[in-house]
Each structure stands twice: as structure tokens, then as C-alpha cells.
Protein backbone atom coordinates (compact mmCIF):
# COMPACT_ATOMS: atom_id res chain seq x y z
CA GLY A 1 -31.36 35.86 32.04
CA PHE A 2 -34.46 35.81 31.75
CA LEU A 3 -36.80 38.75 33.26
CA HIS A 4 -39.99 38.67 34.83
CA TYR A 5 -42.11 41.99 35.69
CA VAL A 6 -45.53 42.57 36.18
CA VAL A 7 -47.59 45.90 35.64
CA ASP A 8 -50.15 47.32 37.11
CA SER A 9 -51.41 50.86 35.39
CA CYS A 10 -54.31 53.12 34.95
CA GLU A 11 -54.83 54.93 31.78
CA PHE A 12 -57.23 57.77 31.03
CA ASN A 13 -57.38 60.96 29.31
CA SER A 14 -60.02 62.97 31.43
CA SER A 15 -60.71 63.49 34.57
CA LYS A 16 -64.02 61.39 34.46
CA LEU A 17 -63.42 58.19 37.12
CA ASN A 18 -66.20 56.58 34.78
CA ASP A 19 -62.79 56.91 31.75
CA ILE A 20 -60.33 55.22 33.65
CA GLU A 21 -59.19 51.46 32.35
CA TYR A 22 -57.27 49.34 34.88
CA ILE A 23 -54.55 46.80 33.10
CA TYR A 24 -52.88 44.50 35.01
CA SER A 25 -49.57 43.24 32.58
CA HIS A 26 -47.55 40.03 33.29
CA TYR A 27 -44.12 40.48 30.90
CA TYR A 28 -42.02 37.19 30.51
CA ASN A 29 -38.49 38.65 28.77
CA LYS A 30 -39.92 41.98 27.30
CA LEU A 31 -43.39 39.54 26.26
CA GLU A 32 -46.67 40.40 27.66
CA TYR A 33 -48.32 37.19 27.87
CA ILE A 34 -51.14 37.63 30.48
CA ARG A 35 -53.70 40.43 31.09
CA PHE A 36 -56.21 41.60 32.73
CA SER A 37 -58.16 44.60 31.86
CA SER A 38 -61.03 46.35 33.36
CA SER A 39 -63.15 46.84 30.09
CA VAL A 40 -62.57 43.62 29.11
CA GLY A 41 -63.06 42.16 32.85
CA LYS A 42 -61.46 39.66 32.75
CA PHE A 43 -57.82 38.02 31.85
CA VAL A 44 -56.43 37.06 28.94
CA GLY A 45 -53.40 35.44 27.39
CA TYR A 46 -51.48 35.98 24.32
CA THR A 47 -49.64 33.16 24.80
CA GLU A 48 -50.09 29.32 25.05
CA VAL A 49 -49.28 29.33 28.28
CA GLY A 50 -50.44 32.80 29.17
CA ILE A 51 -53.87 31.54 27.53
CA LYS A 52 -53.52 28.23 30.45
CA ASN A 53 -53.16 31.10 33.48
CA ALA A 54 -56.22 33.01 32.05
CA GLU A 55 -58.38 30.20 31.80
CA ARG A 56 -57.10 29.64 35.35
CA LEU A 57 -57.75 32.80 36.79
CA ASN A 58 -60.83 33.64 35.02
CA ASN A 59 -62.65 30.15 36.96
CA GLY A 60 -60.90 31.82 41.05
CA PRO A 61 -60.66 34.41 43.29
CA GLU A 62 -58.51 36.32 41.28
CA VAL A 63 -60.19 37.45 38.53
CA ILE A 64 -63.17 39.45 40.90
CA ASN A 65 -60.04 40.81 42.75
CA ARG A 66 -58.87 42.33 39.83
CA ARG A 67 -62.41 43.56 39.18
CA ALA A 68 -61.79 45.35 41.92
CA GLN A 69 -58.50 47.54 41.98
CA LYS A 70 -60.12 50.16 39.49
CA GLU A 71 -61.31 51.51 42.32
CA ARG A 72 -59.49 50.96 44.56
CA TYR A 73 -56.35 51.73 43.15
CA CYS A 74 -56.93 53.44 40.08
CA PHE A 75 -59.96 56.14 41.40
CA HIS A 76 -57.80 56.72 44.49
CA ASN A 77 -54.01 57.67 42.98
CA VAL A 78 -56.14 59.28 39.55
CA GLY A 79 -57.77 61.78 42.10
CA ILE A 80 -54.21 62.27 43.63
CA PHE A 81 -52.70 62.87 40.33
CA THR A 82 -55.06 64.89 38.64
CA GLU A 83 -55.83 67.48 41.77
CA SER A 84 -51.88 67.79 42.18
CA ALA A 85 -51.63 68.43 38.67
CA LEU A 86 -54.61 70.55 38.13
CA THR A 87 -53.93 72.70 41.45
CA LYS A 88 -49.79 73.27 39.00
CA SER A 89 -51.23 74.30 36.56
């Protein structure tokens, strides 16, 4: 069968919130075809379908929503993670 899934992730290696990178990726059959990265600030396509979708998403409200996710999703969750990890170490 065919498998489509989406991954939201926050990559960081320090407790400084400015060092966090938010990544939002779409996969189809284990192949990443489009990604939003907060360090790039826009969608990037990796396949023909991904490139077409990236152009569409970068010209609409979705790109603005994804730019805000770093603060909404990452800052909140990373703060909780680092606080709980540091108190147990």
C-alpha cells in the first residue's frame, strides 16, 4: 500500500531558544517530498509534486502559519522538555 505521513519536529542542541529549528515535513512512501524549515523560512519541494506544492504554499497563508509554529510549538514543548530533563540530571 501507499503511506502518507507528516512530521513536526524541533531540533536543538542547547537550552537557548534561538538555536531551535522547527521542521515540518510531508512524506509519501518513505520519501520526503516537501519541507518547511524555520531556518529557511519557506517551503522547499524535493520532488516534482513537492516543488509545485511548495510554490502554492509559499504564496498563501500556510507559510505565515508555519513561521509562527516555531514559537507556538517548539518554544513551549522544548521549554517543558529541558526543564524536566535538567531537574532529573
